[in-house]
Amino acid sequence: MLLLLIVASYVCKKSRKPHMHVQLASDGHGDEEEIRSSEPLMYDLSTLRAATDNFSEENKLGEGGFGPVYKGTLQNGQSIAVKRLSRTSQQGHVEMKNEVVLVAKLQHRNLVRLLGCCIEEDEKLLVYEFLANKSLDKILFDPARQLELSWAQRFQIIEGIGRGLLYLHEDSRLTVIHRDLKACNILLDADMNPKISDFGLAKLFDIDLSVANTSRIAGTYGYMAPEYAVRGSFSTKSDVYSYGVLVLEIITGRRPSENLINFVSCNL
């Protein structure tokens, strides 16, 4: 019986179709091996260049710490968002590895969906689903567009973010602390459903621990929990604090006053 099981296992492995991957250039850090092991879909650089019209300014959606983001259209008509690692950003390289290895393992209607990535020549790219209404801050803090959000839609956005956060903290197979929950990291689809994005600063959390500490404070101060901003102590409660700030923003349509919040945080 043991011999039959060994033979059957070998036959099954041989019969599996191999995954097609773009050849990844090694940079000496071992990061590409981690990205490969997470098995995202690998796109050809030529495909993404054609989809974004060679990363033209007309297709640029915005820019963050990672680098610029471009809208693209694949040959089959599918719209995508392509995040391009800035060649001068050391932080962006770490964020890219983090997103590919982490987000590929997370699936929820209120989390942005990672379609794949590309590591070819000098380019490092992440490919996401394209969301028509872009980020929440584009509507929330634009006086001309604020009126587009009804109270029913605001409640829908608050509820959706809460569901996504609950999934990250309790319902996914990985316990994840986002650490940078804010309006520009909430994307909206055509029906104004929110999706949490940008997991470059996220941390996997040991389920047996309730609190962790870090010497590297990363995130946005206006949204940081006091214990994290002051002592580097973070937990699921840190994300809940950021969520609370975000709820206030959605209700009032105003940005948090960083100076005021930092003053209060340091005196709690």
Protein backbone atom coordinates (compact mmCIF):
# COMPACT_ATOMS: atom_id res chain seq x y z
CA MET A 1 0.00 0.00 0.00
CA LEU A 2 2.84 2.36 0.84
CA LEU A 3 4.50 1.64 -2.49
CA LEU A 4 1.23 2.31 -4.35
CA LEU A 5 0.81 5.65 -2.53
CA ILE A 6 4.35 6.69 -3.47
CA VAL A 7 3.80 5.77 -7.12
CA ALA A 8 0.42 7.54 -7.22
CA SER A 9 1.92 10.68 -5.69
CA TYR A 10 4.74 10.69 -8.25
CA VAL A 11 2.32 10.24 -11.16
CA CYS A 12 0.14 13.12 -9.93
CA LYS A 13 3.14 15.43 -9.67
CA LYS A 14 4.34 14.53 -13.15
CA SER A 15 0.88 15.06 -14.64
CA ARG A 16 0.50 18.59 -13.27
CA LYS A 17 0.98 21.36 -15.81
CA PRO A 18 3.92 23.59 -14.93
CA HIS A 19 3.22 27.23 -14.04
CA MET A 20 4.43 29.71 -16.64
CA HIS A 21 6.63 32.38 -15.09
CA VAL A 22 8.67 35.24 -16.47
CA GLN A 23 12.35 34.76 -15.72
CA LEU A 24 13.12 36.80 -12.59
CA ALA A 25 16.42 38.60 -12.34
CA SER A 26 18.17 38.03 -9.04
CA ASP A 27 19.24 41.11 -7.09
CA GLY A 28 21.00 39.23 -4.33
CA HIS A 29 18.26 39.76 -1.72
CA GLY A 30 16.26 36.58 -2.31
CA ASP A 31 13.06 38.62 -2.62
CA GLU A 32 12.16 37.29 -6.07
CA GLU A 33 12.16 33.74 -4.73
CA GLU A 34 9.59 34.74 -2.11
CA ILE A 35 7.50 36.45 -4.78
CA ARG A 36 7.70 33.37 -6.99
CA SER A 37 6.70 31.08 -4.13
CA SER A 38 3.51 33.08 -3.55
CA GLU A 39 2.50 32.18 -7.14
CA PRO A 40 0.89 35.37 -8.43
CA LEU A 41 0.21 35.65 -12.15
CA MET A 42 3.36 36.88 -13.89
CA TYR A 43 2.84 39.47 -16.64
CA ASP A 44 5.23 40.22 -19.47
CA LEU A 45 6.70 43.73 -19.41
CA SER A 46 5.74 44.21 -23.06
CA THR A 47 2.11 43.45 -22.20
CA LEU A 48 2.00 46.07 -19.47
CA ARG A 49 3.80 48.66 -21.58
CA ALA A 50 1.24 48.20 -24.33
CA ALA A 51 -1.65 48.32 -21.83
CA THR A 52 -0.50 51.63 -20.31
CA ASP A 53 0.72 53.22 -23.57
CA ASN A 54 4.28 52.90 -22.27
CA PHE A 55 3.33 54.38 -18.87
CA SER A 56 2.12 57.64 -20.40
CA GLU A 57 1.23 60.66 -18.28
CA GLU A 58 -2.31 60.55 -19.68
CA ASN A 59 -2.80 57.17 -17.99
CA LYS A 60 -1.28 58.18 -14.66
CA LEU A 61 -3.77 57.79 -11.80
CA GLY A 62 -1.58 59.07 -8.98
CA GLU A 63 1.64 58.53 -7.07
CA GLY A 64 2.53 57.29 -3.60
CA GLY A 65 5.59 56.23 -1.61
CA PHE A 66 5.92 53.12 -3.77
CA GLY A 67 5.83 55.02 -7.06
CA PRO A 68 3.30 56.05 -9.74
CA VAL A 69 0.11 54.13 -10.57
CA TYR A 70 -1.20 53.89 -14.16
CA LYS A 71 -4.46 52.83 -15.71
CA GLY A 72 -4.08 50.13 -18.36
CA THR A 73 -6.25 48.16 -20.74
CA LEU A 74 -5.29 44.61 -21.70
CA GLN A 75 -5.90 43.17 -25.16
CA ASN A 76 -9.04 41.42 -23.92
CA GLY A 77 -10.50 44.78 -22.86
CA GLN A 78 -9.93 44.30 -19.12
CA SER A 79 -9.05 47.48 -17.24
CA ILE A 80 -6.16 47.24 -14.76
CA ALA A 81 -4.18 49.47 -12.43
CA VAL A 82 -0.40 49.12 -12.65
CA LYS A 83 1.73 50.22 -9.71
CA ARG A 84 5.30 50.92 -10.81
CA LEU A 85 8.19 50.74 -8.37
CA SER A 86 10.23 53.92 -8.36
CA ARG A 87 13.83 53.05 -9.20
CA THR A 88 15.04 55.43 -6.48
CA SER A 89 12.74 54.12 -3.74
CA GLN A 90 14.29 51.62 -1.34
CA GLN A 91 11.08 51.55 0.69
CA GLY A 92 9.12 50.70 -2.44
CA HIS A 93 11.15 47.53 -3.01
CA VAL A 94 10.28 46.22 0.45
CA GLU A 95 6.63 47.25 0.00
CA MET A 96 6.40 45.39 -3.29
CA LYS A 97 7.63 42.12 -1.82
CA ASN A 98 5.29 42.56 1.12
CA GLU A 99 2.25 43.15 -1.08
CA VAL A 100 2.89 40.25 -3.44
CA VAL A 101 3.64 37.72 -0.72
CA LEU A 102 0.80 38.92 1.52
CA VAL A 103 -2.07 40.18 -0.67
CA ALA A 104 -1.94 37.15 -2.97
CA LYS A 105 -3.06 35.07 0.03
CA LEU A 106 -5.98 37.35 1.00
CA GLN A 107 -9.39 37.23 -0.69
CA HIS A 108 -12.31 39.41 0.40
CA ARG A 109 -14.81 41.65 -1.37
CA ASN A 110 -13.57 44.65 0.64
CA LEU A 111 -9.88 44.13 -0.13
CA VAL A 112 -8.37 45.25 -3.43
CA ARG A 113 -7.56 42.27 -5.63
CA LEU A 114 -3.98 41.68 -6.76
CA LEU A 115 -4.00 40.26 -10.29
CA GLY A 116 -0.26 39.69 -10.64
CA CYS A 117 3.13 41.29 -10.98
CA CYS A 118 6.09 41.74 -13.31
CA ILE A 119 9.80 41.70 -12.51
CA GLU A 120 11.68 42.15 -15.75
CA GLU A 121 14.70 44.20 -16.83
CA ASP A 122 14.81 47.14 -14.39
CA GLU A 123 11.05 47.22 -13.85
CA LYS A 124 9.11 45.97 -10.83
CA LEU A 125 5.34 46.25 -11.29
CA LEU A 126 2.20 45.23 -9.43
CA VAL A 127 -1.07 44.70 -11.31
CA TYR A 128 -4.42 45.28 -9.57
CA GLU A 129 -8.06 45.34 -10.52
CA PHE A 130 -9.04 48.80 -11.74
CA LEU A 131 -11.58 50.61 -9.57
CA ALA A 132 -13.52 53.30 -11.40
CA ASN A 133 -13.97 55.80 -8.55
CA LYS A 134 -10.31 55.74 -7.50
CA SER A 135 -9.52 56.53 -3.84
CA LEU A 136 -11.92 57.79 -1.20
CA ASP A 137 -9.95 60.98 -0.54
CA LYS A 138 -10.44 62.12 -4.16
CA ILE A 139 -14.17 62.47 -3.47
CA LEU A 140 -14.28 63.05 0.29
CA PHE A 141 -11.98 66.09 0.39
CA ASP A 142 -12.99 67.70 -2.91
CA PRO A 143 -15.60 70.40 -2.17
CA ALA A 144 -17.02 70.01 -5.66
CA ARG A 145 -17.45 66.23 -5.33
CA GLN A 146 -18.40 65.84 -1.66
CA LEU A 147 -22.07 66.20 -2.52
CA GLU A 148 -21.83 63.05 -4.64
CA LEU A 149 -21.71 61.00 -1.43
CA SER A 150 -25.15 60.43 0.07
CA TRP A 151 -25.49 59.41 3.72
CA ALA A 152 -26.47 55.93 2.59
CA GLN A 153 -23.24 55.68 0.56
CA ARG A 154 -21.16 56.99 3.46
CA PHE A 155 -22.66 54.31 5.72
CA GLN A 156 -22.01 51.69 3.03
CA ILE A 157 -18.35 52.75 2.85
CA ILE A 158 -17.94 52.74 6.65
CA GLU A 159 -19.55 49.30 6.90
CA GLY A 160 -17.48 47.85 4.05
CA ILE A 161 -14.19 49.05 5.51
CA GLY A 162 -15.21 47.53 8.85
CA ARG A 163 -15.93 44.17 7.19
CA GLY A 164 -12.56 44.21 5.42
CA LEU A 165 -10.76 45.06 8.65
CA LEU A 166 -12.56 42.29 10.55
CA TYR A 167 -11.45 39.83 7.87
CA LEU A 168 -7.83 40.92 8.21
CA HIS A 169 -7.88 40.70 12.01
CA GLU A 170 -10.01 37.63 12.66
CA ASP A 171 -11.47 35.81 9.67
CA SER A 172 -8.55 35.31 7.25
CA ARG A 173 -6.08 32.45 7.52
CA LEU A 174 -3.47 35.12 8.27
CA THR A 175 -3.83 37.68 11.05
CA VAL A 176 -2.80 40.98 9.46
CA ILE A 177 -2.23 44.45 10.92
CA HIS A 178 -2.53 46.99 8.10
CA ARG A 179 -0.75 49.89 9.92
CA ASP A 180 -1.63 52.52 7.30
CA LEU A 181 -5.42 52.68 7.11
CA LYS A 182 -6.43 56.07 5.68
CA ALA A 183 -8.70 57.64 3.08
CA CYS A 184 -6.22 57.47 0.17
CA ASN A 185 -5.78 53.72 0.81
CA ILE A 186 -9.51 53.05 0.43
CA LEU A 187 -10.47 52.49 -3.21
CA LEU A 188 -14.04 52.66 -4.53
CA ASP A 189 -15.55 50.57 -7.30
CA ALA A 190 -18.28 51.70 -9.71
CA ASP A 191 -20.96 51.04 -7.07
CA MET A 192 -19.03 52.93 -4.38
CA ASN A 193 -18.10 49.71 -2.56
CA PRO A 194 -14.86 50.26 -0.58
CA LYS A 195 -11.75 48.11 -0.90
CA ILE A 196 -8.77 48.38 1.44
CA SER A 197 -5.50 48.72 -0.50
CA ASP A 198 -1.77 49.32 -0.04
CA PHE A 199 -0.43 46.55 2.19
CA GLY A 200 3.20 47.65 1.89
CA LEU A 201 3.42 48.43 5.63
CA ALA A 202 1.22 45.54 6.79
CA LYS A 203 2.51 43.05 9.33
CA LEU A 204 1.66 39.41 9.85
CA PHE A 205 0.74 38.92 13.48
CA ASP A 206 1.45 35.96 15.74
CA ILE A 207 -2.00 34.76 16.77
CA ASP A 208 -0.66 33.81 20.21
CA LEU A 209 0.36 37.41 20.93
CA SER A 210 -1.87 40.40 21.63
CA VAL A 211 0.71 43.17 21.17
CA ALA A 212 3.95 43.57 19.19
CA ASN A 213 6.60 46.29 19.15
CA THR A 214 8.73 47.82 16.45
CA SER A 215 11.63 50.26 16.43
CA ARG A 216 10.58 51.51 12.97
CA ILE A 217 7.47 53.69 13.16
CA ALA A 218 5.80 53.66 9.76
CA GLY A 219 2.48 55.06 8.64
CA THR A 220 0.69 58.43 8.68
CA TYR A 221 0.74 60.36 11.96
CA GLY A 222 -2.79 61.74 11.72
CA TYR A 223 -4.13 58.18 11.79
CA MET A 224 -1.68 56.59 14.26
CA ALA A 225 -2.78 55.22 17.61
CA PRO A 226 -0.96 57.00 20.50
CA GLU A 227 0.78 53.87 21.79
CA TYR A 228 2.14 53.16 18.31
CA ALA A 229 3.27 56.72 17.56
CA VAL A 230 4.98 57.12 20.95
CA ARG A 231 6.21 53.62 21.89
CA GLY A 232 6.08 51.62 18.66
CA SER A 233 3.54 49.25 20.22
CA PHE A 234 0.95 47.97 17.72
CA SER A 235 -1.90 45.48 17.62
CA THR A 236 -5.30 45.10 15.99
CA LYS A 237 -6.35 48.03 18.20
CA SER A 238 -3.96 50.25 16.23
CA ASP A 239 -5.97 49.62 13.07
CA VAL A 240 -9.23 50.18 14.97
CA TYR A 241 -7.95 53.61 16.06
CA SER A 242 -7.15 54.49 12.44
CA TYR A 243 -10.59 53.22 11.45
CA GLY A 244 -12.15 55.57 14.01
CA VAL A 245 -10.31 58.56 12.51
CA LEU A 246 -11.43 57.43 9.07
CA VAL A 247 -15.08 57.20 10.20
CA LEU A 248 -14.89 60.80 11.48
CA GLU A 249 -13.49 61.89 8.11
CA ILE A 250 -16.28 60.16 6.21
CA ILE A 251 -18.94 61.78 8.42
CA THR A 252 -17.47 65.31 8.46
CA GLY A 253 -15.70 65.41 5.09
CA ARG A 254 -12.67 66.95 6.81
CA ARG A 255 -9.07 65.80 7.12
CA PRO A 256 -7.66 65.14 10.61
CA SER A 257 -5.57 67.97 11.99
CA GLU A 258 -2.19 66.28 12.30
CA ASN A 259 -0.82 68.83 14.73
CA LEU A 260 -3.83 68.57 17.03
CA ILE A 261 -3.97 64.77 16.96
CA ASN A 262 -0.22 64.46 17.56
CA PHE A 263 -0.48 66.83 20.53
CA VAL A 264 -3.35 64.83 22.03
CA SER A 265 -1.62 61.52 21.28
CA CYS A 266 1.56 62.49 23.05
CA ASN A 267 -0.32 63.58 26.14
CA LEU A 268 -2.56 60.51 26.56
